[in-house]
Amino acid sequence: TPYGSTPIGQPFDERRVAAWIGKAITMKGDVVCSRDLTIDGVVEGTIEVGQHSLMIGVGASIKANLVGRVVTIGGAIRGNVTATEKVDLKATGSVEGDITAPRFAMAEGAVVRGHVQSGNKSPRS
């Protein structure tokens, strides 16, 4: 079919439909996505995926603040990262900015230049 492998009139399997910014794409501005998003290209501005997952691929270059449920970073980030569940910084990832999340994982070789706030959202008194 001209629009992919799903014949017209049949429902798409949403698990197979991904939001993706490829390596050949450079974007400037605000990116707001209502589903999981993978970025392999260059983005400058802000990136918000709400309660969805955000994956920054190896080789991606991001100058933006990131907001999502789970943020996985394999590329370079200049900006703050906020996750409502977890930030996972891979060995190839780097963040120049602050990271805020209830859970934070950092692989050997990853780089953070900024503050990390992780753990319970509010301290117990």
PDB file of N, CA and C in Angstrom:
ATOM      1  N   THR A   1       0.841  -1.188   0.000  1.00  0.00           N
ATOM      2  CA  THR A   1       0.000   0.000   0.000  1.00  0.00           C
ATOM      3  C   THR A   1       0.878   1.240   0.000  1.00  0.00           C
ATOM      4  N   PRO A   2       0.382   2.364  -0.472  1.00  0.00           N
ATOM      5  CA  PRO A   2       1.215   3.562  -0.520  1.00  0.00           C
ATOM      6  C   PRO A   2       1.524   4.159   0.843  1.00  0.00           C
ATOM      7  N   TYR A   3       0.793   3.779   1.900  1.00  0.00           N
ATOM      8  CA  TYR A   3       0.990   4.374   3.220  1.00  0.00           C
ATOM      9  C   TYR A   3       1.593   3.408   4.214  1.00  0.00           C
ATOM     10  N   GLY A   4       2.285   2.395   3.759  1.00  0.00           N
ATOM     11  CA  GLY A   4       2.891   1.430   4.663  1.00  0.00           C
ATOM     12  C   GLY A   4       2.325   0.048   4.422  1.00  0.00           C
ATOM     13  N   SER A   5       2.575  -0.866   5.334  1.00  0.00           N
ATOM     14  CA  SER A   5       2.196  -2.255   5.126  1.00  0.00           C
ATOM     15  C   SER A   5       0.781  -2.581   5.592  1.00  0.00           C
ATOM     16  N   THR A   6       0.083  -1.653   6.215  1.00  0.00           N
ATOM     17  CA  THR A   6      -1.280  -1.904   6.674  1.00  0.00           C
ATOM     18  C   THR A   6      -2.262  -1.449   5.599  1.00  0.00           C
ATOM     19  N   PRO A   7      -3.096  -2.364   5.079  1.00  0.00           N
ATOM     20  CA  PRO A   7      -4.074  -1.966   4.059  1.00  0.00           C
ATOM     21  C   PRO A   7      -5.019  -0.887   4.589  1.00  0.00           C
ATOM     22  N   ILE A   8      -5.421   0.003   3.712  1.00  0.00           N
ATOM     23  CA  ILE A   8      -6.345   1.069   4.090  1.00  0.00           C
ATOM     24  C   ILE A   8      -7.647   0.445   4.575  1.00  0.00           C
ATOM     25  N   GLY A   9      -8.190   0.958   5.659  1.00  0.00           N
ATOM     26  CA  GLY A   9      -9.424   0.443   6.218  1.00  0.00           C
ATOM     27  C   GLY A   9      -9.205  -0.508   7.373  1.00  0.00           C
ATOM     28  N   GLN A  10      -7.975  -1.002   7.539  1.00  0.00           N
ATOM     29  CA  GLN A  10      -7.674  -1.862   8.679  1.00  0.00           C
ATOM     30  C   GLN A  10      -6.987  -1.031   9.751  1.00  0.00           C
ATOM     31  N   PRO A  11      -7.270  -1.315  11.033  1.00  0.00           N
ATOM     32  CA  PRO A  11      -6.670  -0.514  12.113  1.00  0.00           C
ATOM     33  C   PRO A  11      -5.170  -0.748  12.219  1.00  0.00           C
ATOM     34  N   PHE A  12      -4.456   0.302  12.570  1.00  0.00           N
ATOM     35  CA  PHE A  12      -3.025   0.197  12.838  1.00  0.00           C
ATOM     36  C   PHE A  12      -2.818  -0.444  14.197  1.00  0.00           C
ATOM     37  N   ASP A  13      -1.764  -1.193  14.356  1.00  0.00           N
ATOM     38  CA  ASP A  13      -1.344  -1.710  15.658  1.00  0.00           C
ATOM     39  C   ASP A  13      -0.490  -0.620  16.285  1.00  0.00           C
ATOM     40  N   GLU A  14      -1.030   0.098  17.283  1.00  0.00           N
ATOM     41  CA  GLU A  14      -0.330   1.250  17.849  1.00  0.00           C
ATOM     42  C   GLU A  14       1.017   0.890  18.449  1.00  0.00           C
ATOM     43  N   ARG A  15       1.203  -0.371  18.838  1.00  0.00           N
ATOM     44  CA  ARG A  15       2.502  -0.762  19.386  1.00  0.00           C
ATOM     45  C   ARG A  15       3.588  -0.705  18.325  1.00  0.00           C
ATOM     46  N   ARG A  16       3.194  -0.760  17.040  1.00  0.00           N
ATOM     47  CA  ARG A  16       4.167  -0.726  15.959  1.00  0.00           C
ATOM     48  C   ARG A  16       4.390   0.686  15.439  1.00  0.00           C
ATOM     49  N   VAL A  17       3.563   1.617  15.838  1.00  0.00           N
ATOM     50  CA  VAL A  17       3.688   2.995  15.382  1.00  0.00           C
ATOM     51  C   VAL A  17       4.499   3.758  16.420  1.00  0.00           C
ATOM     52  N   ALA A  18       5.663   4.266  16.017  1.00  0.00           N
ATOM     53  CA  ALA A  18       6.536   4.986  16.945  1.00  0.00           C
ATOM     54  C   ALA A  18       6.724   6.415  16.456  1.00  0.00           C
ATOM     55  N   ALA A  19       6.850   7.334  17.400  1.00  0.00           N
ATOM     56  CA  ALA A  19       7.213   8.703  17.056  1.00  0.00           C
ATOM     57  C   ALA A  19       8.732   8.760  17.058  1.00  0.00           C
ATOM     58  N   TRP A  20       9.316   9.238  15.970  1.00  0.00           N
ATOM     59  CA  TRP A  20      10.761   9.164  15.799  1.00  0.00           C
ATOM     60  C   TRP A  20      11.270  10.389  15.060  1.00  0.00           C
ATOM     61  N   ILE A  21      12.343  10.973  15.585  1.00  0.00           N
ATOM     62  CA  ILE A  21      13.056  12.054  14.908  1.00  0.00           C
ATOM     63  C   ILE A  21      14.395  11.463  14.500  1.00  0.00           C
ATOM     64  N   GLY A  22      14.591  11.255  13.210  1.00  0.00           N
ATOM     65  CA  GLY A  22      15.753  10.542  12.688  1.00  0.00           C
ATOM     66  C   GLY A  22      17.032  11.354  12.667  1.00  0.00           C
ATOM     67  N   LYS A  23      18.131  10.655  12.353  1.00  0.00           N
ATOM     68  CA  LYS A  23      19.465  11.260  12.340  1.00  0.00           C
ATOM     69  C   LYS A  23      19.584  12.409  11.351  1.00  0.00           C
ATOM     70  N   ALA A  24      18.844  12.355  10.272  1.00  0.00           N
ATOM     71  CA  ALA A  24      18.950  13.379   9.234  1.00  0.00           C
ATOM     72  C   ALA A  24      18.135  14.633   9.551  1.00  0.00           C
ATOM     73  N   ILE A  25      17.452  14.643  10.696  1.00  0.00           N
ATOM     74  CA  ILE A  25      16.552  15.756  11.021  1.00  0.00           C
ATOM     75  C   ILE A  25      17.161  16.684  12.066  1.00  0.00           C
ATOM     76  N   THR A  26      17.093  17.990  11.801  1.00  0.00           N
ATOM     77  CA  THR A  26      17.447  19.025  12.769  1.00  0.00           C
ATOM     78  C   THR A  26      16.192  19.860  13.009  1.00  0.00           C
ATOM     79  N   MET A  27      15.798  19.970  14.286  1.00  0.00           N
ATOM     80  CA  MET A  27      14.585  20.713  14.634  1.00  0.00           C
ATOM     81  C   MET A  27      14.913  21.815  15.631  1.00  0.00           C
ATOM     82  N   LYS A  28      14.259  22.963  15.464  1.00  0.00           N
ATOM     83  CA  LYS A  28      14.356  24.045  16.435  1.00  0.00           C
ATOM     84  C   LYS A  28      12.942  24.420  16.838  1.00  0.00           C
ATOM     85  N   GLY A  29      12.694  24.429  18.162  1.00  0.00           N
ATOM     86  CA  GLY A  29      11.368  24.773  18.656  1.00  0.00           C
ATOM     87  C   GLY A  29      10.927  23.809  19.735  1.00  0.00           C
ATOM     88  N   ASP A  30       9.645  23.824  20.034  1.00  0.00           N
ATOM     89  CA  ASP A  30       9.094  22.972  21.084  1.00  0.00           C
ATOM     90  C   ASP A  30       8.536  21.694  20.478  1.00  0.00           C
ATOM     91  N   VAL A  31       8.942  20.563  21.042  1.00  0.00           N
ATOM     92  CA  VAL A  31       8.429  19.261  20.622  1.00  0.00           C
ATOM     93  C   VAL A  31       7.524  18.754  21.740  1.00  0.00           C
ATOM     94  N   VAL A  32       6.243  18.550  21.445  1.00  0.00           N
ATOM     95  CA  VAL A  32       5.286  17.997  22.400  1.00  0.00           C
ATOM     96  C   VAL A  32       4.709  16.747  21.747  1.00  0.00           C
ATOM     97  N   CYS A  33       4.849  15.612  22.434  1.00  0.00           N
ATOM     98  CA  CYS A  33       4.436  14.342  21.853  1.00  0.00           C
ATOM     99  C   CYS A  33       3.523  13.597  22.821  1.00  0.00           C
ATOM    100  N   SER A  34       2.459  12.984  22.301  1.00  0.00           N
ATOM    101  CA  SER A  34       1.500  12.278  23.147  1.00  0.00           C
ATOM    102  C   SER A  34       1.690  10.761  23.080  1.00  0.00           C
ATOM    103  N   ARG A  35       2.904  10.340  22.768  1.00  0.00           N
ATOM    104  CA  ARG A  35       3.254   8.921  22.765  1.00  0.00           C
ATOM    105  C   ARG A  35       4.757   8.796  22.994  1.00  0.00           C
ATOM    106  N   ASP A  36       5.260   7.575  23.103  1.00  0.00           N
ATOM    107  CA  ASP A  36       6.692   7.375  23.279  1.00  0.00           C
ATOM    108  C   ASP A  36       7.422   7.975  22.082  1.00  0.00           C
ATOM    109  N   LEU A  37       8.598   8.564  22.348  1.00  0.00           N
ATOM    110  CA  LEU A  37       9.348   9.260  21.306  1.00  0.00           C
ATOM    111  C   LEU A  37      10.810   8.854  21.363  1.00  0.00           C
ATOM    112  N   THR A  38      11.384   8.577  20.189  1.00  0.00           N
ATOM    113  CA  THR A  38      12.815   8.319  20.059  1.00  0.00           C
ATOM    114  C   THR A  38      13.412   9.426  19.213  1.00  0.00           C
ATOM    115  N   ILE A  39      14.542   9.986  19.680  1.00  0.00           N
ATOM    116  CA  ILE A  39      15.226  11.044  18.941  1.00  0.00           C
ATOM    117  C   ILE A  39      16.643  10.584  18.639  1.00  0.00           C
ATOM    118  N   ASP A  40      16.985  10.569  17.347  1.00  0.00           N
ATOM    119  CA  ASP A  40      18.338  10.242  16.914  1.00  0.00           C
ATOM    120  C   ASP A  40      19.000  11.429  16.228  1.00  0.00           C
ATOM    121  N   GLY A  41      18.282  12.521  16.068  1.00  0.00           N
ATOM    122  CA  GLY A  41      18.790  13.685  15.362  1.00  0.00           C
ATOM    123  C   GLY A  41      19.195  14.810  16.294  1.00  0.00           C
ATOM    124  N   VAL A  42      18.999  16.040  15.821  1.00  0.00           N
ATOM    125  CA  VAL A  42      19.374  17.248  16.554  1.00  0.00           C
ATOM    126  C   VAL A  42      18.106  18.031  16.870  1.00  0.00           C
ATOM    127  N   VAL A  43      17.932  18.390  18.151  1.00  0.00           N
ATOM    128  CA  VAL A  43      16.768  19.182  18.561  1.00  0.00           C
ATOM    129  C   VAL A  43      17.235  20.304  19.476  1.00  0.00           C
ATOM    130  N   GLU A  44      16.766  21.528  19.197  1.00  0.00           N
ATOM    131  CA  GLU A  44      17.005  22.682  20.066  1.00  0.00           C
ATOM    132  C   GLU A  44      15.651  23.253  20.456  1.00  0.00           C
ATOM    133  N   GLY A  45      15.419  23.431  21.764  1.00  0.00           N
ATOM    134  CA  GLY A  45      14.155  23.985  22.243  1.00  0.00           C
ATOM    135  C   GLY A  45      13.713  23.286  23.503  1.00  0.00           C
ATOM    136  N   THR A  46      12.512  22.714  23.510  1.00  0.00           N
ATOM    137  CA  THR A  46      12.025  21.912  24.634  1.00  0.00           C
ATOM    138  C   THR A  46      11.414  20.629  24.076  1.00  0.00           C
ATOM    139  N   ILE A  47      11.479  19.567  24.887  1.00  0.00           N
ATOM    140  CA  ILE A  47      10.902  18.285  24.488  1.00  0.00           C
ATOM    141  C   ILE A  47      10.057  17.779  25.648  1.00  0.00           C
ATOM    142  N   GLU A  48       8.760  17.592  25.407  1.00  0.00           N
ATOM    143  CA  GLU A  48       7.847  17.105  26.446  1.00  0.00           C
ATOM    144  C   GLU A  48       7.037  15.943  25.890  1.00  0.00           C
ATOM    145  N   VAL A  49       7.071  14.815  26.630  1.00  0.00           N
ATOM    146  CA  VAL A  49       6.281  13.651  26.225  1.00  0.00           C
ATOM    147  C   VAL A  49       5.287  13.241  27.308  1.00  0.00           C
ATOM    148  N   GLY A  50       5.084  14.089  28.304  1.00  0.00           N
ATOM    149  CA  GLY A  50       4.110  13.814  29.360  1.00  0.00           C
ATOM    150  C   GLY A  50       4.413  12.516  30.084  1.00  0.00           C
ATOM    151  N   GLN A  51       3.433  11.636  30.182  1.00  0.00           N
ATOM    152  CA  GLN A  51       3.610  10.357  30.878  1.00  0.00           C
ATOM    153  C   GLN A  51       4.032   9.244  29.919  1.00  0.00           C
ATOM    154  N   HIS A  52       4.817   9.605  28.927  1.00  0.00           N
ATOM    155  CA  HIS A  52       5.345   8.636  27.966  1.00  0.00           C
ATOM    156  C   HIS A  52       6.862   8.569  28.100  1.00  0.00           C
ATOM    157  N   SER A  53       7.465   7.632  27.371  1.00  0.00           N
ATOM    158  CA  SER A  53       8.914   7.437  27.431  1.00  0.00           C
ATOM    159  C   SER A  53       9.604   8.248  26.347  1.00  0.00           C
ATOM    160  N   LEU A  54      10.798   8.727  26.682  1.00  0.00           N
ATOM    161  CA  LEU A  54      11.622   9.481  25.750  1.00  0.00           C
ATOM    162  C   LEU A  54      12.975   8.801  25.658  1.00  0.00           C
ATOM    163  N   MET A  55      13.398   8.439  24.442  1.00  0.00           N
ATOM    164  CA  MET A  55      14.680   7.784  24.218  1.00  0.00           C
ATOM    165  C   MET A  55      15.541   8.695  23.360  1.00  0.00           C
ATOM    166  N   ILE A  56      16.707   9.070  23.900  1.00  0.00           N
ATOM    167  CA  ILE A  56      17.670   9.868  23.155  1.00  0.00           C
ATOM    168  C   ILE A  56      18.755   8.910  22.683  1.00  0.00           C
ATOM    169  N   GLY A  57      18.851   8.707  21.380  1.00  0.00           N
ATOM    170  CA  GLY A  57      19.750   7.713  20.815  1.00  0.00           C
ATOM    171  C   GLY A  57      21.210   8.135  20.833  1.00  0.00           C
ATOM    172  N   VAL A  58      22.080   7.142  20.644  1.00  0.00           N
ATOM    173  CA  VAL A  58      23.518   7.376  20.536  1.00  0.00           C
ATOM    174  C   VAL A  58      23.748   8.295  19.335  1.00  0.00           C
ATOM    175  N   GLY A  59      24.522   9.341  19.521  1.00  0.00           N
ATOM    176  CA  GLY A  59      24.804  10.270  18.437  1.00  0.00           C
ATOM    177  C   GLY A  59      23.835  11.435  18.348  1.00  0.00           C
ATOM    178  N   ALA A  60      22.723  11.378  19.073  1.00  0.00           N
ATOM    179  CA  ALA A  60      21.776  12.500  19.075  1.00  0.00           C
ATOM    180  C   ALA A  60      22.391  13.681  19.817  1.00  0.00           C
ATOM    181  N   SER A  61      22.050  14.886  19.383  1.00  0.00           N
ATOM    182  CA  SER A  61      22.541  16.107  20.018  1.00  0.00           C
ATOM    183  C   SER A  61      21.333  16.970  20.369  1.00  0.00           C
ATOM    184  N   ILE A  62      21.134  17.175  21.675  1.00  0.00           N
ATOM    185  CA  ILE A  62      19.941  17.866  22.152  1.00  0.00           C
ATOM    186  C   ILE A  62      20.343  19.085  22.971  1.00  0.00           C
ATOM    187  N   LYS A  63      19.817  20.259  22.589  1.00  0.00           N
ATOM    188  CA  LYS A  63      19.949  21.475  23.394  1.00  0.00           C
ATOM    189  C   LYS A  63      18.536  21.849  23.802  1.00  0.00           C
ATOM    190  N   ALA A  64      18.054  21.195  24.867  1.00  0.00           N
ATOM    191  CA  ALA A  64      16.655  21.367  25.261  1.00  0.00           C
ATOM    192  C   ALA A  64      16.454  20.848  26.671  1.00  0.00           C
ATOM    193  N   ASN A  65      15.397  21.322  27.310  1.00  0.00           N
ATOM    194  CA  ASN A  65      14.940  20.717  28.556  1.00  0.00           C
ATOM    195  C   ASN A  65      14.023  19.559  28.189  1.00  0.00           C
ATOM    196  N   LEU A  66      14.199  18.423  28.874  1.00  0.00           N
ATOM    197  CA  LEU A  66      13.440  17.214  28.578  1.00  0.00           C
ATOM    198  C   LEU A  66      12.491  16.901  29.721  1.00  0.00           C
ATOM    199  N   VAL A  67      11.253  16.513  29.401  1.00  0.00           N
ATOM    200  CA  VAL A  67      10.271  16.120  30.407  1.00  0.00           C
ATOM    201  C   VAL A  67       9.556  14.867  29.914  1.00  0.00           C
ATOM    202  N   GLY A  68       9.542  13.820  30.762  1.00  0.00           N
ATOM    203  CA  GLY A  68       8.847  12.591  30.407  1.00  0.00           C
ATOM    204  C   GLY A  68       8.699  11.678  31.606  1.00  0.00           C
ATOM    205  N   ARG A  69       8.055  10.537  31.403  1.00  0.00           N
ATOM    206  CA  ARG A  69       7.892   9.550  32.479  1.00  0.00           C
ATOM    207  C   ARG A  69       9.207   8.803  32.689  1.00  0.00           C
ATOM    208  N   VAL A  70       9.730   8.193  31.638  1.00  0.00           N
ATOM    209  CA  VAL A  70      11.031   7.530  31.667  1.00  0.00           C
ATOM    210  C   VAL A  70      11.865   8.166  30.570  1.00  0.00           C
ATOM    211  N   VAL A  71      13.060   8.658  30.913  1.00  0.00           N
ATOM    212  CA  VAL A  71      13.949   9.278  29.938  1.00  0.00           C
ATOM    213  C   VAL A  71      15.226   8.451  29.883  1.00  0.00           C
ATOM    214  N   THR A  72      15.522   7.903  28.706  1.00  0.00           N
ATOM    215  CA  THR A  72      16.729   7.111  28.486  1.00  0.00           C
ATOM    216  C   THR A  72      17.646   7.908  27.579  1.00  0.00           C
ATOM    217  N   ILE A  73      18.906   8.081  28.008  1.00  0.00           N
ATOM    218  CA  ILE A  73      19.818   8.977  27.298  1.00  0.00           C
ATOM    219  C   ILE A  73      21.048   8.211  26.829  1.00  0.00           C
ATOM    220  N   GLY A  74      21.239   8.173  25.512  1.00  0.00           N
ATOM    221  CA  GLY A  74      22.435   7.580  24.932  1.00  0.00           C
ATOM    222  C   GLY A  74      23.255   8.603  24.173  1.00  0.00           C
ATOM    223  N   GLY A  75      22.731   9.807  24.006  1.00  0.00           N
ATOM    224  CA  GLY A  75      23.404  10.876  23.275  1.00  0.00           C
ATOM    225  C   GLY A  75      23.781  12.017  24.198  1.00  0.00           C
ATOM    226  N   ALA A  76      23.991  13.204  23.603  1.00  0.00           N
ATOM    227  CA  ALA A  76      24.452  14.377  24.350  1.00  0.00           C
ATOM    228  C   ALA A  76      23.296  15.348  24.590  1.00  0.00           C
ATOM    229  N   ILE A  77      23.125  15.732  25.865  1.00  0.00           N
ATOM    230  CA  ILE A  77      22.060  16.654  26.265  1.00  0.00           C
ATOM    231  C   ILE A  77      22.681  17.900  26.878  1.00  0.00           C
ATOM    232  N   ARG A  78      22.252  19.079  26.413  1.00  0.00           N
ATOM    233  CA  ARG A  78      22.547  20.343  27.089  1.00  0.00           C
ATOM    234  C   ARG A  78      21.210  20.918  27.507  1.00  0.00           C
ATOM    235  N   GLY A  79      20.878  20.728  28.779  1.00  0.00           N
ATOM    236  CA  GLY A  79      19.596  21.176  29.301  1.00  0.00           C
ATOM    237  C   GLY A  79      19.222  20.323  30.494  1.00  0.00           C
ATOM    238  N   ASN A  80      18.130  20.668  31.137  1.00  0.00           N
ATOM    239  CA  ASN A  80      17.680  19.933  32.318  1.00  0.00           C
ATOM    240  C   ASN A  80      16.799  18.756  31.913  1.00  0.00           C
ATOM    241  N   VAL A  81      16.886  17.683  32.700  1.00  0.00           N
ATOM    242  CA  VAL A  81      16.118  16.465  32.434  1.00  0.00           C
ATOM    243  C   VAL A  81      15.226  16.195  33.642  1.00  0.00           C
ATOM    244  N   THR A  82      13.914  16.075  33.409  1.00  0.00           N
ATOM    245  CA  THR A  82      12.961  15.780  34.477  1.00  0.00           C
ATOM    246  C   THR A  82      12.143  14.561  34.076  1.00  0.00           C
ATOM    247  N   ALA A  83      12.110  13.559  34.966  1.00  0.00           N
ATOM    248  CA  ALA A  83      11.305  12.362  34.721  1.00  0.00           C
ATOM    249  C   ALA A  83      10.422  12.102  35.931  1.00  0.00           C
ATOM    250  N   THR A  84       9.196  11.659  35.690  1.00  0.00           N
ATOM    251  CA  THR A  84       8.295  11.349  36.798  1.00  0.00           C
ATOM    252  C   THR A  84       8.544   9.949  37.352  1.00  0.00           C
ATOM    253  N   GLU A  85       9.286   9.114  36.606  1.00  0.00           N
ATOM    254  CA  GLU A  85       9.586   7.761  37.070  1.00  0.00           C
ATOM    255  C   GLU A  85      11.084   7.477  37.143  1.00  0.00           C
ATOM    256  N   LYS A  86      11.814   7.651  36.018  1.00  0.00           N
ATOM    257  CA  LYS A  86      13.225   7.254  36.001  1.00  0.00           C
ATOM    258  C   LYS A  86      13.990   7.939  34.882  1.00  0.00           C
ATOM    259  N   VAL A  87      15.270   8.256  35.167  1.00  0.00           N
ATOM    260  CA  VAL A  87      16.225   8.660  34.143  1.00  0.00           C
ATOM    261  C   VAL A  87      17.286   7.574  34.080  1.00  0.00           C
ATOM    262  N   ASP A  88      17.548   7.085  32.867  1.00  0.00           N
ATOM    263  CA  ASP A  88      18.539   6.036  32.634  1.00  0.00           C
ATOM    264  C   ASP A  88      19.605   6.599  31.704  1.00  0.00           C
ATOM    265  N   LEU A  89      20.796   6.861  32.242  1.00  0.00           N
ATOM    266  CA  LEU A  89      21.891   7.446  31.482  1.00  0.00           C
ATOM    267  C   LEU A  89      22.836   6.332  31.050  1.00  0.00           C
ATOM    268  N   LYS A  90      22.895   6.072  29.748  1.00  0.00           N
ATOM    269  CA  LYS A  90      23.711   4.997  29.193  1.00  0.00           C
ATOM    270  C   LYS A  90      25.185   5.412  29.133  1.00  0.00           C
ATOM    271  N   ALA A  91      26.070   4.453  28.876  1.00  0.00           N
ATOM    272  CA  ALA A  91      27.518   4.694  28.849  1.00  0.00           C
ATOM    273  C   ALA A  91      27.904   5.745  27.815  1.00  0.00           C
ATOM    274  N   THR A  92      27.154   5.858  26.732  1.00  0.00           N
ATOM    275  CA  THR A  92      27.450   6.830  25.673  1.00  0.00           C
ATOM    276  C   THR A  92      26.779   8.176  25.916  1.00  0.00           C
ATOM    277  N   GLY A  93      26.016   8.291  27.001  1.00  0.00           N
ATOM    278  CA  GLY A  93      25.235   9.494  27.260  1.00  0.00           C
ATOM    279  C   GLY A  93      25.967  10.536  28.073  1.00  0.00           C
ATOM    280  N   SER A  94      25.577  11.794  27.857  1.00  0.00           N
ATOM    281  CA  SER A  94      26.109  12.892  28.669  1.00  0.00           C
ATOM    282  C   SER A  94      25.008  13.927  28.869  1.00  0.00           C
ATOM    283  N   VAL A  95      25.016  14.521  30.062  1.00  0.00           N
ATOM    284  CA  VAL A  95      24.045  15.572  30.387  1.00  0.00           C
ATOM    285  C   VAL A  95      24.804  16.745  30.969  1.00  0.00           C
ATOM    286  N   GLU A  96      24.634  17.905  30.358  1.00  0.00           N
ATOM    287  CA  GLU A  96      25.157  19.157  30.891  1.00  0.00           C
ATOM    288  C   GLU A  96      23.940  19.941  31.362  1.00  0.00           C
ATOM    289  N   GLY A  97      23.564  19.706  32.622  1.00  0.00           N
ATOM    290  CA  GLY A  97      22.361  20.299  33.192  1.00  0.00           C
ATOM    291  C   GLY A  97      21.928  19.484  34.390  1.00  0.00           C
ATOM    292  N   ASP A  98      20.815  19.846  34.977  1.00  0.00           N
ATOM    293  CA  ASP A  98      20.330  19.175  36.183  1.00  0.00           C
ATOM    294  C   ASP A  98      19.386  18.029  35.823  1.00  0.00           C
ATOM    295  N   ILE A  99      19.431  16.973  36.636  1.00  0.00           N
ATOM    296  CA  ILE A  99      18.576  15.801  36.458  1.00  0.00           C
ATOM    297  C   ILE A  99      17.706  15.653  37.699  1.00  0.00           C
ATOM    298  N   THR A 100      16.388  15.525  37.496  1.00  0.00           N
ATOM    299  CA  THR A 100      15.449  15.331  38.597  1.00  0.00           C
ATOM    300  C   THR A 100      14.555  14.144  38.268  1.00  0.00           C
ATOM    301  N   ALA A 101      14.573  13.129  39.149  1.00  0.00           N
ATOM    302  CA  ALA A 101      13.745  11.939  38.945  1.00  0.00           C
ATOM    303  C   ALA A 101      13.705  11.126  40.227  1.00  0.00           C
ATOM    304  N   PRO A 102      12.606  10.398  40.481  1.00  0.00           N
ATOM    305  CA  PRO A 102      12.564   9.520  41.658  1.00  0.00           C
ATOM    306  C   PRO A 102      13.652   8.444  41.608  1.00  0.00           C
ATOM    307  N   ARG A 103      13.948   7.941  40.393  1.00  0.00           N
ATOM    308  CA  ARG A 103      15.003   6.937  40.234  1.00  0.00           C
ATOM    309  C   ARG A 103      15.972   7.391  39.148  1.00  0.00           C
ATOM    310  N   PHE A 104      17.268   7.129  39.377  1.00  0.00           N
ATOM    311  CA  PHE A 104      18.312   7.529  38.439  1.00  0.00           C
ATOM    312  C   PHE A 104      19.330   6.407  38.317  1.00  0.00           C
ATOM    313  N   ALA A 105      19.622   5.997  37.083  1.00  0.00           N
ATOM    314  CA  ALA A 105      20.639   4.977  36.825  1.00  0.00           C
ATOM    315  C   ALA A 105      21.671   5.569  35.874  1.00  0.00           C
ATOM    316  N   MET A 106      22.948   5.323  36.180  1.00  0.00           N
ATOM    317  CA  MET A 106      24.030   5.875  35.372  1.00  0.00           C
ATOM    318  C   MET A 106      25.056   4.790  35.101  1.00  0.00           C
ATOM    319  N   ALA A 107      25.317   4.525  33.832  1.00  0.00           N
ATOM    320  CA  ALA A 107      26.287   3.511  33.446  1.00  0.00           C
ATOM    321  C   ALA A 107      27.705   4.065  33.534  1.00  0.00           C
ATOM    322  N   GLU A 108      28.657   3.169  33.722  1.00  0.00           N
ATOM    323  CA  GLU A 108      30.061   3.564  33.727  1.00  0.00           C
ATOM    324  C   GLU A 108      30.401   4.162  32.367  1.00  0.00           C
ATOM    325  N   GLY A 109      31.061   5.312  32.381  1.00  0.00           N
ATOM    326  CA  GLY A 109      31.420   6.008  31.157  1.00  0.00           C
ATOM    327  C   GLY A 109      30.509   7.180  30.845  1.00  0.00           C
ATOM    328  N   ALA A 110      29.326   7.212  31.426  1.00  0.00           N
ATOM    329  CA  ALA A 110      28.402   8.329  31.222  1.00  0.00           C
ATOM    330  C   ALA A 110      28.918   9.562  31.960  1.00  0.00           C
ATOM    331  N   VAL A 111      28.480  10.737  31.511  1.00  0.00           N
ATOM    332  CA  VAL A 111      28.968  11.993  32.080  1.00  0.00           C
ATOM    333  C   VAL A 111      27.786  12.870  32.495  1.00  0.00           C
ATOM    334  N   VAL A 112      27.875  13.445  33.711  1.00  0.00           N
ATOM    335  CA  VAL A 112      26.900  14.437  34.172  1.00  0.00           C
ATOM    336  C   VAL A 112      27.666  15.656  34.650  1.00  0.00           C
ATOM    337  N   ARG A 113      27.323  16.819  34.081  1.00  0.00           N
ATOM    338  CA  ARG A 113      27.858  18.095  34.555  1.00  0.00           C
ATOM    339  C   ARG A 113      26.660  18.903  35.030  1.00  0.00           C
ATOM    340  N   GLY A 114      26.326  18.735  36.309  1.00  0.00           N
ATOM    341  CA  GLY A 114      25.153  19.385  36.879  1.00  0.00           C
ATOM    342  C   GLY A 114      24.761  18.671  38.151  1.00  0.00           C
ATOM    343  N   HIS A 115      23.607  18.989  38.665  1.00  0.00           N
ATOM    344  CA  HIS A 115      23.119  18.391  39.908  1.00  0.00           C
ATOM    345  C   HIS A 115      22.141  17.267  39.586  1.00  0.00           C
ATOM    346  N   VAL A 116      22.160  16.247  40.438  1.00  0.00           N
ATOM    347  CA  VAL A 116      21.202  15.151  40.323  1.00  0.00           C
ATOM    348  C   VAL A 116      20.367  15.116  41.592  1.00  0.00           C
ATOM    349  N   GLN A 117      19.045  15.191  41.436  1.00  0.00           N
ATOM    350  CA  GLN A 117      18.125  15.058  42.563  1.00  0.00           C
ATOM    351  C   GLN A 117      17.296  13.805  42.309  1.00  0.00           C
ATOM    352  N   SER A 118      17.505  12.798  43.167  1.00  0.00           N
ATOM    353  CA  SER A 118      16.846  11.519  42.985  1.00  0.00           C
ATOM    354  C   SER A 118      16.372  10.991  44.326  1.00  0.00           C
ATOM    355  N   GLY A 119      15.398  10.109  44.304  1.00  0.00           N
ATOM    356  CA  GLY A 119      14.853   9.560  45.543  1.00  0.00           C
ATOM    357  C   GLY A 119      13.421   9.996  45.712  1.00  0.00           C
ATOM    358  N   ASN A 120      12.933   9.934  46.936  1.00  0.00           N
ATOM    359  CA  ASN A 120      11.549  10.325  47.215  1.00  0.00           C
ATOM    360  C   ASN A 120      11.316  11.773  46.833  1.00  0.00           C
ATOM    361  N   LYS A 121      10.121  12.058  46.371  1.00  0.00           N
ATOM    362  CA  LYS A 121       9.788  13.422  45.958  1.00  0.00           C
ATOM    363  C   LYS A 121       9.795  14.394  47.119  1.00  0.00           C
ATOM    364  N   SER A 122       9.396  13.924  48.294  1.00  0.00           N
ATOM    365  CA  SER A 122       9.411  14.804  49.461  1.00  0.00           C
ATOM    366  C   SER A 122      10.004  14.045  50.638  1.00  0.00           C
ATOM    367  N   PRO A 123      10.923  14.669  51.362  1.00  0.00           N
ATOM    368  CA  PRO A 123      11.529  13.984  52.497  1.00  0.00           C
ATOM    369  C   PRO A 123      10.512  13.736  53.597  1.00  0.00           C
ATOM    370  N   ARG A 124      10.681  12.622  54.297  1.00  0.00           N
ATOM    371  CA  ARG A 124       9.794  12.307  55.423  1.00  0.00           C
ATOM    372  C   ARG A 124      10.201  13.116  56.637  1.00  0.00           C
ATOM    373  N   SER A 125       9.209  13.568  57.392  1.00  0.00           N
ATOM    374  CA  SER A 125       9.529  14.367  58.578  1.00  0.00           C
ATOM    375  C   SER A 125       9.256  13.596  59.836  1.00  0.00           C
TER     376      SER A 125
END
